[in-house]
Amino acid sequence: MASVDVAIVPALPTTAPAFEGYDLDASIGSSPWTGVFNLTGLPVLTVPCGMSTQGLPIGMQIVAQAFDEPAALRVGVG
């Protein structure tokens, strides 16, 4: 059985919203992408990983095993 140190998953189902059109109520629907890790208590580091064609940032989450925050940080800054 293979061991996984970290998982890389999207931070949101879309790019970051533009500030001018930001709707807090609409953003609540994207919480399942991040909220699951709040419930499990797994350490997560969210970092930008690119830009959309509109120039908006795209984010990814680096999810580590329980109590292994250093692994998420090593991947995120390395």
N, C-alpha and C. Protein backbone atom coordinates (compact mmCIF):
# COMPACT_ATOMS: atom_id res chain seq x y z
N MET A 1 0.84 -1.17 0.00
CA MET A 1 0.00 0.00 0.00
C MET A 1 0.89 1.24 0.00
N ALA A 2 0.61 2.18 -0.87
CA ALA A 2 1.41 3.40 -0.99
C ALA A 2 1.06 4.38 0.11
N SER A 3 2.03 5.12 0.54
CA SER A 3 1.85 6.15 1.56
C SER A 3 1.83 7.52 0.87
N VAL A 4 0.98 8.39 1.34
CA VAL A 4 0.86 9.73 0.78
C VAL A 4 1.24 10.72 1.87
N ASP A 5 2.19 11.60 1.57
CA ASP A 5 2.61 12.61 2.54
C ASP A 5 1.67 13.80 2.53
N VAL A 6 1.30 14.28 1.33
CA VAL A 6 0.38 15.41 1.21
C VAL A 6 -0.55 15.16 0.03
N ALA A 7 -1.67 15.84 0.06
CA ALA A 7 -2.60 15.85 -1.08
C ALA A 7 -2.71 17.28 -1.57
N ILE A 8 -2.78 17.45 -2.88
CA ILE A 8 -2.94 18.77 -3.48
C ILE A 8 -4.36 18.82 -4.04
N VAL A 9 -5.15 19.77 -3.56
CA VAL A 9 -6.54 19.90 -3.99
C VAL A 9 -6.85 21.37 -4.28
N PRO A 10 -7.86 21.66 -5.09
CA PRO A 10 -8.22 23.06 -5.35
C PRO A 10 -8.67 23.77 -4.08
N ALA A 11 -8.43 25.06 -4.02
CA ALA A 11 -8.92 25.86 -2.91
C ALA A 11 -10.37 26.28 -3.13
N LEU A 12 -10.72 26.56 -4.37
CA LEU A 12 -12.07 26.97 -4.76
C LEU A 12 -12.42 26.32 -6.09
N PRO A 13 -13.70 26.23 -6.39
CA PRO A 13 -14.08 25.66 -7.69
C PRO A 13 -13.87 26.64 -8.85
N THR A 14 -13.53 27.89 -8.53
CA THR A 14 -13.31 28.93 -9.55
C THR A 14 -12.07 29.72 -9.16
N THR A 15 -11.73 30.71 -9.98
CA THR A 15 -10.66 31.62 -9.59
C THR A 15 -11.15 32.51 -8.45
N ALA A 16 -10.24 33.25 -7.86
CA ALA A 16 -10.64 34.22 -6.83
C ALA A 16 -11.56 35.25 -7.45
N PRO A 17 -12.56 35.71 -6.72
CA PRO A 17 -13.46 36.72 -7.29
C PRO A 17 -12.78 38.08 -7.35
N ALA A 18 -13.19 38.87 -8.31
CA ALA A 18 -12.71 40.25 -8.39
C ALA A 18 -13.26 41.02 -7.20
N PHE A 19 -12.47 41.90 -6.63
CA PHE A 19 -12.89 42.63 -5.44
C PHE A 19 -14.14 43.46 -5.69
N GLU A 20 -14.22 44.09 -6.87
CA GLU A 20 -15.36 44.97 -7.16
C GLU A 20 -16.70 44.23 -7.12
N GLY A 21 -16.70 42.98 -7.56
CA GLY A 21 -17.95 42.25 -7.62
C GLY A 21 -18.08 41.19 -6.54
N TYR A 22 -17.29 41.30 -5.48
CA TYR A 22 -17.29 40.26 -4.45
C TYR A 22 -18.61 40.21 -3.71
N ASP A 23 -19.17 39.03 -3.60
CA ASP A 23 -20.43 38.81 -2.90
C ASP A 23 -20.19 37.76 -1.81
N LEU A 24 -20.16 38.20 -0.57
CA LEU A 24 -19.87 37.31 0.54
C LEU A 24 -20.88 36.17 0.61
N ASP A 25 -22.14 36.45 0.40
CA ASP A 25 -23.17 35.41 0.46
C ASP A 25 -22.93 34.33 -0.60
N ALA A 26 -22.49 34.72 -1.78
CA ALA A 26 -22.24 33.76 -2.85
C ALA A 26 -21.01 32.91 -2.55
N SER A 27 -20.04 33.47 -1.82
CA SER A 27 -18.82 32.73 -1.53
C SER A 27 -19.03 31.64 -0.49
N ILE A 28 -20.10 31.70 0.26
CA ILE A 28 -20.39 30.68 1.27
C ILE A 28 -20.52 29.31 0.62
N GLY A 29 -20.99 29.24 -0.61
CA GLY A 29 -21.17 27.97 -1.30
C GLY A 29 -19.88 27.25 -1.62
N SER A 30 -18.75 27.94 -1.58
CA SER A 30 -17.48 27.29 -1.88
C SER A 30 -16.83 26.71 -0.64
N SER A 31 -17.44 26.87 0.53
CA SER A 31 -16.82 26.39 1.76
C SER A 31 -16.61 24.87 1.81
N PRO A 32 -17.38 24.03 1.11
CA PRO A 32 -17.07 22.60 1.15
C PRO A 32 -15.66 22.28 0.64
N TRP A 33 -15.10 23.14 -0.17
CA TRP A 33 -13.75 22.91 -0.69
C TRP A 33 -12.71 23.10 0.41
N THR A 34 -13.01 23.93 1.39
CA THR A 34 -12.07 24.17 2.49
C THR A 34 -12.60 23.67 3.82
N GLY A 35 -13.89 23.68 3.99
CA GLY A 35 -14.50 23.34 5.27
C GLY A 35 -14.27 21.91 5.72
N VAL A 36 -14.13 20.99 4.79
CA VAL A 36 -13.92 19.59 5.16
C VAL A 36 -12.66 19.42 5.98
N PHE A 37 -11.64 20.22 5.69
CA PHE A 37 -10.40 20.10 6.44
C PHE A 37 -10.51 20.78 7.80
N ASN A 38 -11.38 21.78 7.91
CA ASN A 38 -11.65 22.36 9.22
C ASN A 38 -12.31 21.33 10.13
N LEU A 39 -13.18 20.53 9.56
CA LEU A 39 -13.89 19.51 10.35
C LEU A 39 -12.97 18.36 10.75
N THR A 40 -12.06 17.97 9.86
CA THR A 40 -11.18 16.84 10.16
C THR A 40 -9.98 17.25 10.99
N GLY A 41 -9.65 18.53 11.00
CA GLY A 41 -8.50 19.00 11.76
C GLY A 41 -7.17 18.75 11.08
N LEU A 42 -7.20 18.36 9.81
CA LEU A 42 -5.95 18.15 9.08
C LEU A 42 -5.28 19.49 8.78
N PRO A 43 -3.96 19.55 8.84
CA PRO A 43 -3.27 20.80 8.53
C PRO A 43 -3.31 21.08 7.02
N VAL A 44 -3.62 22.32 6.70
CA VAL A 44 -3.75 22.73 5.30
C VAL A 44 -3.04 24.06 5.10
N LEU A 45 -2.33 24.17 4.00
CA LEU A 45 -1.71 25.42 3.59
C LEU A 45 -2.29 25.77 2.24
N THR A 46 -2.86 26.96 2.11
CA THR A 46 -3.42 27.40 0.83
C THR A 46 -2.44 28.39 0.21
N VAL A 47 -2.08 28.14 -1.04
CA VAL A 47 -1.10 28.97 -1.74
C VAL A 47 -1.59 29.26 -3.15
N PRO A 48 -1.17 30.39 -3.73
CA PRO A 48 -1.49 30.65 -5.13
C PRO A 48 -0.68 29.72 -6.03
N CYS A 49 -1.29 29.28 -7.12
CA CYS A 49 -0.58 28.37 -8.03
C CYS A 49 -0.66 28.80 -9.48
N GLY A 50 -1.17 29.97 -9.73
CA GLY A 50 -1.26 30.44 -11.11
C GLY A 50 -2.22 31.60 -11.22
N MET A 51 -2.41 32.05 -12.44
CA MET A 51 -3.32 33.15 -12.72
C MET A 51 -4.27 32.75 -13.85
N SER A 52 -5.50 33.23 -13.74
CA SER A 52 -6.47 32.97 -14.80
C SER A 52 -6.20 33.89 -15.98
N THR A 53 -6.92 33.69 -17.06
CA THR A 53 -6.76 34.56 -18.22
C THR A 53 -7.24 35.98 -17.92
N GLN A 54 -8.04 36.13 -16.86
CA GLN A 54 -8.50 37.46 -16.44
C GLN A 54 -7.54 38.10 -15.43
N GLY A 55 -6.44 37.42 -15.12
CA GLY A 55 -5.46 37.96 -14.20
C GLY A 55 -5.80 37.75 -12.74
N LEU A 56 -6.72 36.84 -12.44
CA LEU A 56 -7.11 36.56 -11.06
C LEU A 56 -6.38 35.32 -10.55
N PRO A 57 -6.01 35.32 -9.27
CA PRO A 57 -5.22 34.19 -8.76
C PRO A 57 -6.03 32.90 -8.65
N ILE A 58 -5.34 31.79 -8.84
CA ILE A 58 -5.90 30.46 -8.66
C ILE A 58 -5.18 29.86 -7.45
N GLY A 59 -5.93 29.27 -6.54
CA GLY A 59 -5.33 28.74 -5.32
C GLY A 59 -5.42 27.23 -5.23
N MET A 60 -4.45 26.67 -4.52
CA MET A 60 -4.49 25.24 -4.23
C MET A 60 -4.24 25.04 -2.73
N GLN A 61 -4.75 23.93 -2.24
CA GLN A 61 -4.55 23.58 -0.84
C GLN A 61 -3.59 22.40 -0.76
N ILE A 62 -2.65 22.50 0.14
CA ILE A 62 -1.73 21.41 0.42
C ILE A 62 -2.17 20.82 1.75
N VAL A 63 -2.68 19.60 1.71
CA VAL A 63 -3.24 18.95 2.88
C VAL A 63 -2.26 17.89 3.37
N ALA A 64 -1.86 17.99 4.63
CA ALA A 64 -0.92 17.03 5.19
C ALA A 64 -1.65 16.08 6.14
N GLN A 65 -0.92 15.06 6.57
CA GLN A 65 -1.48 14.12 7.52
C GLN A 65 -1.61 14.80 8.89
N ALA A 66 -2.43 14.23 9.74
CA ALA A 66 -2.67 14.80 11.06
C ALA A 66 -1.36 15.08 11.79
N PHE A 67 -1.27 16.27 12.35
CA PHE A 67 -0.13 16.70 13.15
C PHE A 67 1.17 16.82 12.37
N ASP A 68 1.08 16.90 11.04
CA ASP A 68 2.29 17.00 10.22
C ASP A 68 2.32 18.33 9.46
N GLU A 69 2.16 19.42 10.19
CA GLU A 69 2.23 20.74 9.59
C GLU A 69 3.53 20.98 8.83
N PRO A 70 4.67 20.48 9.35
CA PRO A 70 5.91 20.69 8.61
C PRO A 70 5.88 20.15 7.17
N ALA A 71 5.19 19.07 6.93
CA ALA A 71 5.12 18.52 5.57
C ALA A 71 4.41 19.50 4.65
N ALA A 72 3.30 20.07 5.08
CA ALA A 72 2.58 21.04 4.26
C ALA A 72 3.45 22.27 3.99
N LEU A 73 4.16 22.71 5.00
CA LEU A 73 5.03 23.88 4.81
C LEU A 73 6.21 23.57 3.89
N ARG A 74 6.78 22.39 3.98
CA ARG A 74 7.90 22.03 3.09
C ARG A 74 7.45 22.05 1.64
N VAL A 75 6.28 21.53 1.35
CA VAL A 75 5.78 21.52 -0.02
C VAL A 75 5.41 22.93 -0.46
N GLY A 76 4.82 23.69 0.43
CA GLY A 76 4.35 25.03 0.08
C GLY A 76 5.45 26.05 -0.19
N VAL A 77 6.55 25.93 0.51
CA VAL A 77 7.63 26.91 0.32
C VAL A 77 8.75 26.35 -0.54
N GLY A 78 8.71 25.06 -0.81
CA GLY A 78 9.80 24.44 -1.57
C GLY A 78 9.58 24.51 -2.99
